Amino acid sequence: MKPVSSHPRATIVVPAFNVAATLRETLAALLAQTFCDFEIIVVDDGSSDATAAIAASYQSDPRVRLIQQRNRGLAGARNTGIHAARAPLIGFCDADDIWERWKLGAHIAHLDASPEVGVSYAGSALIDDAGALLGQTQAPRLSGVDAAHILKRNPIGNGSAAVIRRAVFDAIAYRPAYEKSRDWYFDETFRQSEDIECWMRIALTTDWLFAGVPGLLTRYRISAGGLSAATDRQLASWENMVAKLTPLDPALFAQVAPIARAYQLRYLARRAISDLDAGRARTLVLQSLRQSWRPLFEEPRKTLTTLAATAVLCSAGPSAISALMTAKESRS
């Protein structure tokens, strides 16, 4: 068992809601990090399964703390963890994702060497419910990232990919009038798109830079089934994010939002394809093309693959899809 510092270098926040099936694997990977000066805060967000009991069983390791709260959503669980964090660097790992053993150390070294960088992130390999690699990755742009890049392609990728300076969160903190207990960093009114909403506020309102480190350092779990059913909610949440943030830079959003919307619709089409929902995939692909042709010119391989997969799904059915969608995919 590793000793714990009263002033650890890093805090890893683990939002947890009904994740009894995966929490042990997540915590085991975090506790095996090669960089050892950290604490883990598991925020049980009102779970009804054994999540809290499993997290509590890890508190024999002094690096692990459990906080329980009524359900506030993913953003609310992250905010609670940030509020309780003792370290100047804060990472997040959702309770069904897995960090590679060297991930934290890579981000610590990156941030130590780059004082102008506030958000350090890395790529991810996608896994299924059983933890098997899907053959798909999120391999993001690592430098020269600005608000336009985040809006269009969200290079951070997912909520388990980043390690962020506490000073960044201090710079964007706010407290709604009805909030009595703590500040907000992620917007708790969002149940989806809370990540990109936060990244965009950082990019638009602070001078902190975003930059990535090479490698696929997170295993990001994609649950099977129900993906296409969620695309309407995901799109509505993304549109709410755009509407909320447009006043911060109207010119940027006027120029970039249509292209970003096309990318978002293409992403949702791929989710519908994964769920073998031909009708939804076709609708989303057509909406993407109507918004902008830029994804076709900027990322022709991925866009053409999406178009082809949609056509195959609509004409030949689900059995022809798997090889097409996983063949040599190297980008999200």
C-alpha atoms as a PDB file:
ATOM      1  CA  MET A   1       0.000   0.000   0.000  1.00  0.00           C
ATOM      2  CA  LYS A   2       1.352   3.410  -0.968  1.00  0.00           C
ATOM      3  CA  PRO A   3       1.538   6.227   1.599  1.00  0.00           C
ATOM      4  CA  VAL A   4      -0.681   9.211   0.942  1.00  0.00           C
ATOM      5  CA  SER A   5       0.504  12.793   1.099  1.00  0.00           C
ATOM      6  CA  SER A   6      -1.530  15.455   2.845  1.00  0.00           C
ATOM      7  CA  HIS A   7      -0.818  17.558  -0.251  1.00  0.00           C
ATOM      8  CA  PRO A   8      -0.887  15.151  -3.209  1.00  0.00           C
ATOM      9  CA  ARG A   9       0.232  16.290  -6.647  1.00  0.00           C
ATOM     10  CA  ALA A  10      -2.941  15.038  -8.313  1.00  0.00           C
ATOM     11  CA  THR A  11      -6.545  14.224  -7.511  1.00  0.00           C
ATOM     12  CA  ILE A  12      -8.411  11.695  -9.646  1.00  0.00           C
ATOM     13  CA  VAL A  13     -12.173  12.221  -9.486  1.00  0.00           C
ATOM     14  CA  VAL A  14     -14.299   9.147 -10.206  1.00  0.00           C
ATOM     15  CA  PRO A  15     -17.994  10.005 -10.722  1.00  0.00           C
ATOM     16  CA  ALA A  16     -19.978   6.856  -9.986  1.00  0.00           C
ATOM     17  CA  PHE A  17     -23.642   6.062 -10.554  1.00  0.00           C
ATOM     18  CA  ASN A  18     -24.825   2.434 -10.523  1.00  0.00           C
ATOM     19  CA  VAL A  19     -21.471   1.128 -11.740  1.00  0.00           C
ATOM     20  CA  ALA A  20     -21.041  -1.895  -9.479  1.00  0.00           C
ATOM     21  CA  ALA A  21     -20.158  -4.017 -12.509  1.00  0.00           C
ATOM     22  CA  THR A  22     -17.129  -1.933 -13.539  1.00  0.00           C
ATOM     23  CA  LEU A  23     -15.964   0.128 -10.554  1.00  0.00           C
ATOM     24  CA  ARG A  24     -13.456  -2.424  -9.251  1.00  0.00           C
ATOM     25  CA  GLU A  25     -11.673  -2.594 -12.598  1.00  0.00           C
ATOM     26  CA  THR A  26     -11.537   1.199 -12.809  1.00  0.00           C
ATOM     27  CA  LEU A  27     -10.145   1.622  -9.289  1.00  0.00           C
ATOM     28  CA  ALA A  28      -7.616  -1.177  -9.711  1.00  0.00           C
ATOM     29  CA  ALA A  29      -6.207   0.546 -12.789  1.00  0.00           C
ATOM     30  CA  LEU A  30      -6.028   3.904 -11.014  1.00  0.00           C
ATOM     31  CA  LEU A  31      -4.324   2.471  -7.953  1.00  0.00           C
ATOM     32  CA  ALA A  32      -1.720   0.850 -10.225  1.00  0.00           C
ATOM     33  CA  GLN A  33      -0.544   4.182 -11.685  1.00  0.00           C
ATOM     34  CA  THR A  34       3.230   4.431 -11.983  1.00  0.00           C
ATOM     35  CA  PHE A  35       3.071   8.003 -10.650  1.00  0.00           C
ATOM     36  CA  CYS A  36       2.104   7.446  -7.032  1.00  0.00           C
ATOM     37  CA  ASP A  37       1.511  10.850  -5.416  1.00  0.00           C
ATOM     38  CA  PHE A  38      -2.249  11.122  -5.880  1.00  0.00           C
ATOM     39  CA  GLU A  39      -5.598  10.762  -4.192  1.00  0.00           C
ATOM     40  CA  ILE A  40      -8.770   9.233  -5.597  1.00  0.00           C
ATOM     41  CA  ILE A  41     -12.176  10.715  -4.792  1.00  0.00           C
ATOM     42  CA  VAL A  42     -15.084   8.455  -5.682  1.00  0.00           C
ATOM     43  CA  VAL A  43     -18.310  10.456  -5.802  1.00  0.00           C
ATOM     44  CA  ASP A  44     -21.291   8.131  -5.445  1.00  0.00           C
ATOM     45  CA  ASP A  45     -24.054  10.042  -7.194  1.00  0.00           C
ATOM     46  CA  GLY A  46     -27.059   8.486  -5.469  1.00  0.00           C
ATOM     47  CA  SER A  47     -26.520   4.922  -6.685  1.00  0.00           C
ATOM     48  CA  SER A  48     -29.109   2.243  -5.933  1.00  0.00           C
ATOM     49  CA  ASP A  49     -26.760  -0.721  -6.447  1.00  0.00           C
ATOM     50  CA  ALA A  50     -23.568  -1.768  -4.628  1.00  0.00           C
ATOM     51  CA  THR A  51     -21.470   1.111  -5.977  1.00  0.00           C
ATOM     52  CA  ALA A  52     -21.035   2.830  -2.595  1.00  0.00           C
ATOM     53  CA  ALA A  53     -20.202  -0.417  -0.795  1.00  0.00           C
ATOM     54  CA  ILE A  54     -17.574  -1.312  -3.386  1.00  0.00           C
ATOM     55  CA  ALA A  55     -16.001   2.137  -3.182  1.00  0.00           C
ATOM     56  CA  ALA A  56     -16.043   2.016   0.619  1.00  0.00           C
ATOM     57  CA  SER A  57     -14.152  -1.283   0.560  1.00  0.00           C
ATOM     58  CA  TYR A  58     -11.237   0.506  -1.121  1.00  0.00           C
ATOM     59  CA  GLN A  59     -10.914   3.095   1.642  1.00  0.00           C
ATOM     60  CA  SER A  60      -8.500   0.786   3.441  1.00  0.00           C
ATOM     61  CA  ASP A  61      -6.076   2.368   0.975  1.00  0.00           C
ATOM     62  CA  PRO A  62      -5.548   5.893   2.358  1.00  0.00           C
ATOM     63  CA  ARG A  63      -5.422   7.310  -1.164  1.00  0.00           C
ATOM     64  CA  VAL A  64      -9.126   6.560  -1.680  1.00  0.00           C
ATOM     65  CA  ARG A  65     -11.990   8.687  -0.368  1.00  0.00           C
ATOM     66  CA  LEU A  66     -15.711   8.136  -0.867  1.00  0.00           C
ATOM     67  CA  ILE A  67     -18.222  10.975  -0.989  1.00  0.00           C
ATOM     68  CA  GLN A  68     -21.928  10.171  -1.217  1.00  0.00           C
ATOM     69  CA  GLN A  69     -24.559  12.614  -2.446  1.00  0.00           C
ATOM     70  CA  ARG A  70     -28.056  12.724  -3.850  1.00  0.00           C
ATOM     71  CA  ASN A  71     -28.162  12.291  -7.586  1.00  0.00           C
ATOM     72  CA  ARG A  72     -26.889  15.437  -9.326  1.00  0.00           C
ATOM     73  CA  GLY A  73     -25.763  13.947 -12.621  1.00  0.00           C
ATOM     74  CA  LEU A  74     -22.281  13.509 -14.040  1.00  0.00           C
ATOM     75  CA  ALA A  75     -21.509  17.235 -13.980  1.00  0.00           C
ATOM     76  CA  GLY A  76     -22.647  17.466 -10.364  1.00  0.00           C
ATOM     77  CA  ALA A  77     -20.509  14.509  -9.314  1.00  0.00           C
ATOM     78  CA  ARG A  78     -17.464  16.034 -10.973  1.00  0.00           C
ATOM     79  CA  ASN A  79     -18.134  19.377  -9.290  1.00  0.00           C
ATOM     80  CA  THR A  80     -18.310  17.685  -5.899  1.00  0.00           C
ATOM     81  CA  GLY A  81     -15.004  15.979  -6.586  1.00  0.00           C
ATOM     82  CA  ILE A  82     -13.328  19.204  -7.691  1.00  0.00           C
ATOM     83  CA  HIS A  83     -14.624  20.965  -4.577  1.00  0.00           C
ATOM     84  CA  ALA A  84     -13.140  18.244  -2.341  1.00  0.00           C
ATOM     85  CA  ALA A  85      -9.848  17.880  -4.224  1.00  0.00           C
ATOM     86  CA  ARG A  86      -6.655  18.702  -2.345  1.00  0.00           C
ATOM     87  CA  ALA A  87      -4.280  18.675  -5.307  1.00  0.00           C
ATOM     88  CA  PRO A  88      -3.295  21.352  -7.847  1.00  0.00           C
ATOM     89  CA  LEU A  89      -3.903  18.923 -10.722  1.00  0.00           C
ATOM     90  CA  ILE A  90      -7.246  17.179 -11.222  1.00  0.00           C
ATOM     91  CA  GLY A  91      -8.008  14.268 -13.516  1.00  0.00           C
ATOM     92  CA  PHE A  92     -11.272  12.503 -14.191  1.00  0.00           C
ATOM     93  CA  CYS A  93     -11.980   8.850 -14.844  1.00  0.00           C
ATOM     94  CA  ASP A  94     -15.561   7.733 -15.283  1.00  0.00           C
ATOM     95  CA  ALA A  95     -16.278   4.585 -13.306  1.00  0.00           C
ATOM     96  CA  ASP A  96     -16.596   2.375 -16.371  1.00  0.00           C
ATOM     97  CA  ASP A  97     -13.393   3.574 -18.062  1.00  0.00           C
ATOM     98  CA  ILE A  98      -9.790   2.482 -17.531  1.00  0.00           C
ATOM     99  CA  TRP A  99      -6.577   4.486 -17.327  1.00  0.00           C
ATOM    100  CA  GLU A 100      -3.354   2.924 -18.571  1.00  0.00           C
ATOM    101  CA  ARG A 101      -0.772   2.630 -15.783  1.00  0.00           C
ATOM    102  CA  TRP A 102       1.450   5.389 -17.144  1.00  0.00           C
ATOM    103  CA  LYS A 103      -1.303   7.897 -17.951  1.00  0.00           C
ATOM    104  CA  LEU A 104      -1.103  10.082 -14.853  1.00  0.00           C
ATOM    105  CA  GLY A 105       2.687  10.260 -15.009  1.00  0.00           C
ATOM    106  CA  ALA A 106       2.581  11.331 -18.655  1.00  0.00           C
ATOM    107  CA  HIS A 107       0.228  14.210 -17.879  1.00  0.00           C
ATOM    108  CA  ILE A 108       2.186  15.303 -14.798  1.00  0.00           C
ATOM    109  CA  ALA A 109       5.373  15.473 -16.878  1.00  0.00           C
ATOM    110  CA  HIS A 110       3.556  17.344 -19.644  1.00  0.00           C
ATOM    111  CA  LEU A 111       2.088  19.955 -17.319  1.00  0.00           C
ATOM    112  CA  ASP A 112       5.359  20.379 -15.417  1.00  0.00           C
ATOM    113  CA  ALA A 113       7.162  21.065 -18.691  1.00  0.00           C
ATOM    114  CA  SER A 114       4.444  23.347 -20.095  1.00  0.00           C
ATOM    115  CA  PRO A 115       3.306  25.957 -17.560  1.00  0.00           C
ATOM    116  CA  GLU A 116       1.109  27.650 -20.171  1.00  0.00           C
ATOM    117  CA  VAL A 117      -0.954  24.478 -20.672  1.00  0.00           C
ATOM    118  CA  GLY A 118      -4.003  24.184 -18.452  1.00  0.00           C
ATOM    119  CA  VAL A 119      -5.663  21.124 -19.975  1.00  0.00           C
ATOM    120  CA  SER A 120      -3.549  18.067 -20.808  1.00  0.00           C
ATOM    121  CA  TYR A 121      -5.236  15.181 -22.599  1.00  0.00           C
ATOM    122  CA  ALA A 122      -4.454  12.053 -24.601  1.00  0.00           C
ATOM    123  CA  GLY A 123      -6.103   9.672 -27.023  1.00  0.00           C
ATOM    124  CA  SER A 124      -8.336   6.757 -26.130  1.00  0.00           C
ATOM    125  CA  ALA A 125      -8.997   3.214 -27.316  1.00  0.00           C
ATOM    126  CA  LEU A 126     -12.661   2.241 -27.393  1.00  0.00           C
ATOM    127  CA  ILE A 127     -13.774  -0.908 -25.564  1.00  0.00           C
ATOM    128  CA  ASP A 128     -17.085  -2.749 -25.314  1.00  0.00           C
ATOM    129  CA  ASP A 129     -19.095  -3.743 -22.245  1.00  0.00           C
ATOM    130  CA  ALA A 130     -16.804  -6.733 -21.665  1.00  0.00           C
ATOM    131  CA  GLY A 131     -13.659  -4.613 -21.923  1.00  0.00           C
ATOM    132  CA  ALA A 132     -12.643  -5.930 -25.349  1.00  0.00           C
ATOM    133  CA  LEU A 133     -11.027  -3.512 -27.771  1.00  0.00           C
ATOM    134  CA  LEU A 134     -13.390  -2.434 -30.547  1.00  0.00           C
ATOM    135  CA  GLY A 135     -10.637  -1.581 -33.016  1.00  0.00           C
ATOM    136  CA  GLN A 136     -11.608   2.093 -32.942  1.00  0.00           C
ATOM    137  CA  THR A 137      -9.728   4.961 -31.347  1.00  0.00           C
ATOM    138  CA  GLN A 138      -9.912   8.621 -30.479  1.00  0.00           C
ATOM    139  CA  ALA A 139      -6.550   9.942 -31.699  1.00  0.00           C
ATOM    140  CA  PRO A 140      -6.874  13.705 -31.349  1.00  0.00           C
ATOM    141  CA  ARG A 141      -5.024  16.777 -32.517  1.00  0.00           C
ATOM    142  CA  LEU A 142      -2.333  17.412 -29.880  1.00  0.00           C
ATOM    143  CA  SER A 143      -1.354  21.057 -30.418  1.00  0.00           C
ATOM    144  CA  GLY A 144      -2.630  24.342 -31.794  1.00  0.00           C
ATOM    145  CA  VAL A 145      -6.063  23.729 -30.308  1.00  0.00           C
ATOM    146  CA  ASP A 146      -8.454  26.670 -29.998  1.00  0.00           C
ATOM    147  CA  ALA A 147     -12.175  27.129 -29.405  1.00  0.00           C
ATOM    148  CA  ALA A 148     -12.998  26.443 -33.059  1.00  0.00           C
ATOM    149  CA  HIS A 149     -11.208  23.088 -32.945  1.00  0.00           C
ATOM    150  CA  ILE A 150     -12.993  22.144 -29.743  1.00  0.00           C
ATOM    151  CA  LEU A 151     -16.399  23.067 -31.112  1.00  0.00           C
ATOM    152  CA  LYS A 152     -15.836  21.167 -34.353  1.00  0.00           C
ATOM    153  CA  ARG A 153     -13.981  18.045 -33.202  1.00  0.00           C
ATOM    154  CA  ASN A 154     -13.579  18.124 -29.394  1.00  0.00           C
ATOM    155  CA  PRO A 155      -9.997  16.814 -29.392  1.00  0.00           C
ATOM    156  CA  ILE A 156     -10.196  16.107 -25.656  1.00  0.00           C
ATOM    157  CA  GLY A 157     -12.440  13.262 -26.748  1.00  0.00           C
ATOM    158  CA  ASN A 158     -14.179  12.112 -23.572  1.00  0.00           C
ATOM    159  CA  GLY A 159     -14.491  12.900 -19.887  1.00  0.00           C
ATOM    160  CA  SER A 160     -11.805  10.407 -18.842  1.00  0.00           C
ATOM    161  CA  ALA A 161      -9.066  11.802 -21.091  1.00  0.00           C
ATOM    162  CA  ALA A 162      -7.950  15.033 -19.380  1.00  0.00           C
ATOM    163  CA  VAL A 163      -5.855  16.150 -16.429  1.00  0.00           C
ATOM    164  CA  ILE A 164      -6.494  19.817 -15.640  1.00  0.00           C
ATOM    165  CA  ARG A 165      -4.909  22.413 -13.383  1.00  0.00           C
ATOM    166  CA  ARG A 166      -6.982  23.468 -10.398  1.00  0.00           C
ATOM    167  CA  ALA A 167      -6.259  27.062 -11.410  1.00  0.00           C
ATOM    168  CA  VAL A 168      -8.222  26.494 -14.628  1.00  0.00           C
ATOM    169  CA  PHE A 169     -11.315  25.494 -12.685  1.00  0.00           C
ATOM    170  CA  ASP A 170     -10.862  28.431 -10.322  1.00  0.00           C
ATOM    171  CA  ALA A 171     -10.888  30.720 -13.367  1.00  0.00           C
ATOM    172  CA  ILE A 172     -14.256  29.457 -14.655  1.00  0.00           C
ATOM    173  CA  ALA A 173     -16.025  28.819 -11.335  1.00  0.00           C
ATOM    174  CA  TYR A 174     -19.463  30.290 -10.773  1.00  0.00           C
ATOM    175  CA  ARG A 175     -22.308  29.758  -8.332  1.00  0.00           C
ATOM    176  CA  PRO A 176     -25.975  29.858  -9.351  1.00  0.00           C
ATOM    177  CA  ALA A 177     -28.200  31.825  -7.007  1.00  0.00           C
ATOM    178  CA  TYR A 178     -29.947  28.658  -5.823  1.00  0.00           C
ATOM    179  CA  GLU A 179     -26.703  26.769  -5.107  1.00  0.00           C
ATOM    180  CA  LYS A 180     -25.897  26.797  -1.401  1.00  0.00           C
ATOM    181  CA  SER A 181     -23.058  24.314  -0.985  1.00  0.00           C
ATOM    182  CA  ARG A 182     -20.316  24.899  -3.577  1.00  0.00           C
ATOM    183  CA  ASP A 183     -19.242  26.427  -6.871  1.00  0.00           C
ATOM    184  CA  TRP A 184     -19.973  24.950 -10.266  1.00  0.00           C
ATOM    185  CA  TYR A 185     -17.294  24.242 -12.868  1.00  0.00           C
ATOM    186  CA  PHE A 186     -19.268  21.888 -15.106  1.00  0.00           C
ATOM    187  CA  ASP A 187     -22.803  23.112 -15.798  1.00  0.00           C
ATOM    188  CA  GLU A 188     -25.137  20.813 -13.856  1.00  0.00           C
ATOM    189  CA  THR A 189     -28.125  21.750 -15.996  1.00  0.00           C
ATOM    190  CA  PHE A 190     -26.516  19.624 -18.743  1.00  0.00           C
ATOM    191  CA  ARG A 191     -26.928  15.852 -18.548  1.00  0.00           C
ATOM    192  CA  GLN A 192     -25.048  15.482 -21.846  1.00  0.00           C
ATOM    193  CA  SER A 193     -22.496  17.730 -23.610  1.00  0.00           C
ATOM    194  CA  GLU A 194     -21.322  18.887 -20.174  1.00  0.00           C
ATOM    195  CA  ASP A 195     -17.725  18.112 -21.168  1.00  0.00           C
ATOM    196  CA  ILE A 196     -17.551  20.213 -24.316  1.00  0.00           C
ATOM    197  CA  GLU A 197     -19.523  23.009 -22.635  1.00  0.00           C
ATOM    198  CA  CYS A 198     -16.811  23.198 -19.980  1.00  0.00           C
ATOM    199  CA  TRP A 199     -13.935  22.952 -22.472  1.00  0.00           C
ATOM    200  CA  MET A 200     -15.469  25.714 -24.584  1.00  0.00           C
ATOM    201  CA  ARG A 201     -15.841  28.038 -21.591  1.00  0.00           C
ATOM    202  CA  ILE A 202     -12.196  27.465 -20.725  1.00  0.00           C
ATOM    203  CA  ALA A 203     -11.136  28.229 -24.296  1.00  0.00           C
ATOM    204  CA  LEU A 204     -13.357  31.298 -24.630  1.00  0.00           C
ATOM    205  CA  THR A 205     -12.858  32.931 -21.231  1.00  0.00           C
ATOM    206  CA  THR A 206      -9.303  32.090 -20.107  1.00  0.00           C
ATOM    207  CA  ASP A 207      -5.775  32.215 -21.507  1.00  0.00           C
ATOM    208  CA  TRP A 208      -5.001  28.595 -20.588  1.00  0.00           C
ATOM    209  CA  LEU A 209      -3.919  26.372 -23.475  1.00  0.00           C
ATOM    210  CA  PHE A 210      -5.106  22.898 -24.431  1.00  0.00           C
ATOM    211  CA  ALA A 211      -2.476  20.364 -25.510  1.00  0.00           C
ATOM    212  CA  GLY A 212      -2.218  16.605 -25.761  1.00  0.00           C
ATOM    213  CA  VAL A 213       0.377  13.922 -25.117  1.00  0.00           C
ATOM    214  CA  PRO A 214       0.939  11.074 -27.582  1.00  0.00           C
ATOM    215  CA  GLY A 215      -0.579   7.654 -27.100  1.00  0.00           C
ATOM    216  CA  LEU A 216      -3.887   6.006 -26.283  1.00  0.00           C
ATOM    217  CA  LEU A 217      -3.871   6.369 -22.500  1.00  0.00           C
ATOM    218  CA  THR A 218      -7.554   5.770 -21.698  1.00  0.00           C
ATOM    219  CA  ARG A 219      -9.768   2.809 -22.484  1.00  0.00           C
ATOM    220  CA  TYR A 220     -13.152   4.402 -23.092  1.00  0.00           C
ATOM    221  CA  ARG A 221     -16.158   2.114 -22.754  1.00  0.00           C
ATOM    222  CA  ILE A 222     -18.971   2.229 -25.298  1.00  0.00           C
ATOM    223  CA  SER A 223     -22.078   0.446 -24.046  1.00  0.00           C
ATOM    224  CA  ALA A 224     -23.979  -1.680 -26.533  1.00  0.00           C
ATOM    225  CA  GLY A 225     -27.622  -1.052 -27.312  1.00  0.00           C
ATOM    226  CA  GLY A 226     -29.677   2.079 -26.986  1.00  0.00           C
ATOM    227  CA  LEU A 227     -27.139   4.276 -28.733  1.00  0.00           C
ATOM    228  CA  SER A 228     -29.436   5.499 -31.467  1.00  0.00           C
ATOM    229  CA  ALA A 229     -32.242   6.095 -28.991  1.00  0.00           C
ATOM    230  CA  ALA A 230     -30.029   8.657 -27.281  1.00  0.00           C
ATOM    231  CA  THR A 231     -29.068  10.592 -30.404  1.00  0.00           C
ATOM    232  CA  ASP A 232     -32.035  12.971 -30.161  1.00  0.00           C
ATOM    233  CA  ARG A 233     -31.106  13.858 -26.581  1.00  0.00           C
ATOM    234  CA  GLN A 234     -27.441  14.206 -27.471  1.00  0.00           C
ATOM    235  CA  LEU A 235     -28.195  16.525 -30.362  1.00  0.00           C
ATOM    236  CA  ALA A 236     -30.582  18.628 -28.267  1.00  0.00           C
ATOM    237  CA  SER A 237     -27.968  18.956 -25.526  1.00  0.00           C
ATOM    238  CA  TRP A 238     -25.300  19.953 -28.045  1.00  0.00           C
ATOM    239  CA  GLU A 239     -27.630  22.608 -29.474  1.00  0.00           C
ATOM    240  CA  ASN A 240     -28.285  23.906 -25.945  1.00  0.00           C
ATOM    241  CA  MET A 241     -24.532  24.206 -25.441  1.00  0.00           C
ATOM    242  CA  VAL A 242     -24.209  26.242 -28.645  1.00  0.00           C
ATOM    243  CA  ALA A 243     -27.106  28.501 -27.662  1.00  0.00           C
ATOM    244  CA  LYS A 244     -25.686  29.096 -24.185  1.00  0.00           C
ATOM    245  CA  LEU A 245     -22.148  29.925 -25.313  1.00  0.00           C
ATOM    246  CA  THR A 246     -22.819  31.870 -28.526  1.00  0.00           C
ATOM    247  CA  PRO A 247     -23.005  35.229 -26.663  1.00  0.00           C
ATOM    248  CA  LEU A 248     -19.380  34.727 -25.564  1.00  0.00           C
ATOM    249  CA  ASP A 249     -18.174  34.948 -29.189  1.00  0.00           C
ATOM    250  CA  PRO A 250     -21.001  35.451 -31.707  1.00  0.00           C
ATOM    251  CA  ALA A 251     -18.645  35.761 -34.679  1.00  0.00           C
ATOM    252  CA  LEU A 252     -16.933  32.457 -33.925  1.00  0.00           C
ATOM    253  CA  PHE A 253     -20.202  30.584 -33.583  1.00  0.00           C
ATOM    254  CA  ALA A 254     -21.654  32.138 -36.732  1.00  0.00           C
ATOM    255  CA  GLN A 255     -18.654  30.929 -38.703  1.00  0.00           C
ATOM    256  CA  VAL A 256     -17.953  27.558 -37.092  1.00  0.00           C
ATOM    257  CA  ALA A 257     -21.243  26.241 -35.678  1.00  0.00           C
ATOM    258  CA  PRO A 258     -22.674  24.993 -39.023  1.00  0.00           C
ATOM    259  CA  ILE A 259     -19.495  23.007 -39.694  1.00  0.00           C
ATOM    260  CA  ALA A 260     -19.394  21.770 -36.108  1.00  0.00           C
ATOM    261  CA  ARG A 261     -23.042  20.735 -36.368  1.00  0.00           C
ATOM    262  CA  ALA A 262     -22.231  18.700 -39.480  1.00  0.00           C
ATOM    263  CA  TYR A 263     -19.488  16.893 -37.577  1.00  0.00           C
ATOM    264  CA  GLN A 264     -21.801  16.305 -34.625  1.00  0.00           C
ATOM    265  CA  LEU A 265     -24.495  14.871 -36.894  1.00  0.00           C
ATOM    266  CA  ARG A 266     -21.928  12.618 -38.552  1.00  0.00           C
ATOM    267  CA  TYR A 267     -20.800  11.393 -35.123  1.00  0.00           C
ATOM    268  CA  LEU A 268     -24.397  10.658 -34.135  1.00  0.00           C
ATOM    269  CA  ALA A 269     -24.941   8.847 -37.436  1.00  0.00           C
ATOM    270  CA  ARG A 270     -22.043   6.578 -36.571  1.00  0.00           C
ATOM    271  CA  ARG A 271     -23.617   5.901 -33.192  1.00  0.00           C
ATOM    272  CA  ALA A 272     -26.855   4.950 -34.956  1.00  0.00           C
ATOM    273  CA  ILE A 273     -24.903   2.681 -37.300  1.00  0.00           C
ATOM    274  CA  SER A 274     -23.297   0.984 -34.287  1.00  0.00           C
ATOM    275  CA  ASP A 275     -26.796   0.352 -32.972  1.00  0.00           C
ATOM    276  CA  LEU A 276     -27.859  -0.937 -36.433  1.00  0.00           C
ATOM    277  CA  ASP A 277     -30.590   1.705 -36.698  1.00  0.00           C
ATOM    278  CA  ALA A 278     -30.686   2.221 -40.461  1.00  0.00           C
ATOM    279  CA  GLY A 279     -33.447   4.823 -40.534  1.00  0.00           C
ATOM    280  CA  ARG A 280     -31.866   7.018 -37.888  1.00  0.00           C
ATOM    281  CA  ALA A 281     -28.422   6.722 -39.469  1.00  0.00           C
ATOM    282  CA  ARG A 282     -29.769   7.773 -42.874  1.00  0.00           C
ATOM    283  CA  THR A 283     -31.577  10.766 -41.399  1.00  0.00           C
ATOM    284  CA  LEU A 284     -28.501  11.957 -39.506  1.00  0.00           C
ATOM    285  CA  VAL A 285     -26.139  11.516 -42.458  1.00  0.00           C
ATOM    286  CA  LEU A 286     -28.415  13.550 -44.713  1.00  0.00           C
ATOM    287  CA  GLN A 287     -28.742  16.264 -42.067  1.00  0.00           C
ATOM    288  CA  SER A 288     -24.945  16.382 -41.763  1.00  0.00           C
ATOM    289  CA  LEU A 289     -24.486  16.877 -45.501  1.00  0.00           C
ATOM    290  CA  ARG A 290     -27.131  19.597 -45.571  1.00  0.00           C
ATOM    291  CA  GLN A 291     -25.330  21.493 -42.821  1.00  0.00           C
ATOM    292  CA  SER A 292     -21.892  21.489 -44.448  1.00  0.00           C
ATOM    293  CA  TRP A 293     -19.730  19.561 -46.894  1.00  0.00           C
ATOM    294  CA  ARG A 294     -16.599  20.454 -44.928  1.00  0.00           C
ATOM    295  CA  PRO A 295     -16.355  17.098 -43.094  1.00  0.00           C
ATOM    296  CA  LEU A 296     -16.187  15.396 -46.499  1.00  0.00           C
ATOM    297  CA  PHE A 297     -13.287  17.601 -47.623  1.00  0.00           C
ATOM    298  CA  GLU A 298     -11.487  17.745 -44.259  1.00  0.00           C
ATOM    299  CA  GLU A 299     -11.933  14.087 -43.279  1.00  0.00           C
ATOM    300  CA  PRO A 300     -12.853  12.287 -46.497  1.00  0.00           C
ATOM    301  CA  ARG A 301     -12.029   8.786 -45.313  1.00  0.00           C
ATOM    302  CA  LYS A 302     -14.201   8.879 -42.226  1.00  0.00           C
ATOM    303  CA  THR A 303     -17.055  10.696 -43.941  1.00  0.00           C
ATOM    304  CA  LEU A 304     -17.078   8.335 -46.927  1.00  0.00           C
ATOM    305  CA  THR A 305     -16.903   5.336 -44.589  1.00  0.00           C
ATOM    306  CA  THR A 306     -19.916   6.675 -42.719  1.00  0.00           C
ATOM    307  CA  LEU A 307     -21.833   7.221 -45.963  1.00  0.00           C
ATOM    308  CA  ALA A 308     -20.927   3.747 -47.211  1.00  0.00           C
ATOM    309  CA  ALA A 309     -21.854   2.089 -43.934  1.00  0.00           C
ATOM    310  CA  THR A 310     -25.203   3.843 -43.932  1.00  0.00           C
ATOM    311  CA  ALA A 311     -25.886   2.707 -47.491  1.00  0.00           C
ATOM    312  CA  VAL A 312     -24.879  -0.873 -46.704  1.00  0.00           C
ATOM    313  CA  LEU A 313     -26.974  -0.937 -43.538  1.00  0.00           C
ATOM    314  CA  CYS A 314     -30.010   0.368 -45.403  1.00  0.00           C
ATOM    315  CA  SER A 315     -29.627  -2.021 -48.339  1.00  0.00           C
ATOM    316  CA  ALA A 316     -27.828  -5.154 -47.144  1.00  0.00           C
ATOM    317  CA  GLY A 317     -28.645  -5.135 -43.448  1.00  0.00           C
ATOM    318  CA  PRO A 318     -26.612  -5.422 -40.231  1.00  0.00           C
ATOM    319  CA  SER A 319     -24.475  -8.438 -41.179  1.00  0.00           C
ATOM    320  CA  ALA A 320     -22.439  -6.425 -43.686  1.00  0.00           C
ATOM    321  CA  ILE A 321     -21.557  -3.574 -41.335  1.00  0.00           C
ATOM    322  CA  SER A 322     -18.953  -4.767 -38.834  1.00  0.00           C
ATOM    323  CA  ALA A 323     -15.984  -5.218 -41.158  1.00  0.00           C
ATOM    324  CA  LEU A 324     -16.673  -1.948 -42.956  1.00  0.00           C
ATOM    325  CA  MET A 325     -16.848   0.184 -39.817  1.00  0.00           C
ATOM    326  CA  THR A 326     -13.780  -1.304 -38.079  1.00  0.00           C
ATOM    327  CA  ALA A 327     -11.440  -1.706 -41.056  1.00  0.00           C
ATOM    328  CA  LYS A 328      -8.292   0.235 -40.270  1.00  0.00           C
ATOM    329  CA  GLU A 329     -10.122   2.918 -38.269  1.00  0.00           C
ATOM    330  CA  SER A 330      -7.571   5.058 -36.515  1.00  0.00           C
ATOM    331  CA  ARG A 331      -9.532   8.174 -35.641  1.00  0.00           C
ATOM    332  CA  SER A 332     -12.631   8.970 -33.635  1.00  0.00           C
END
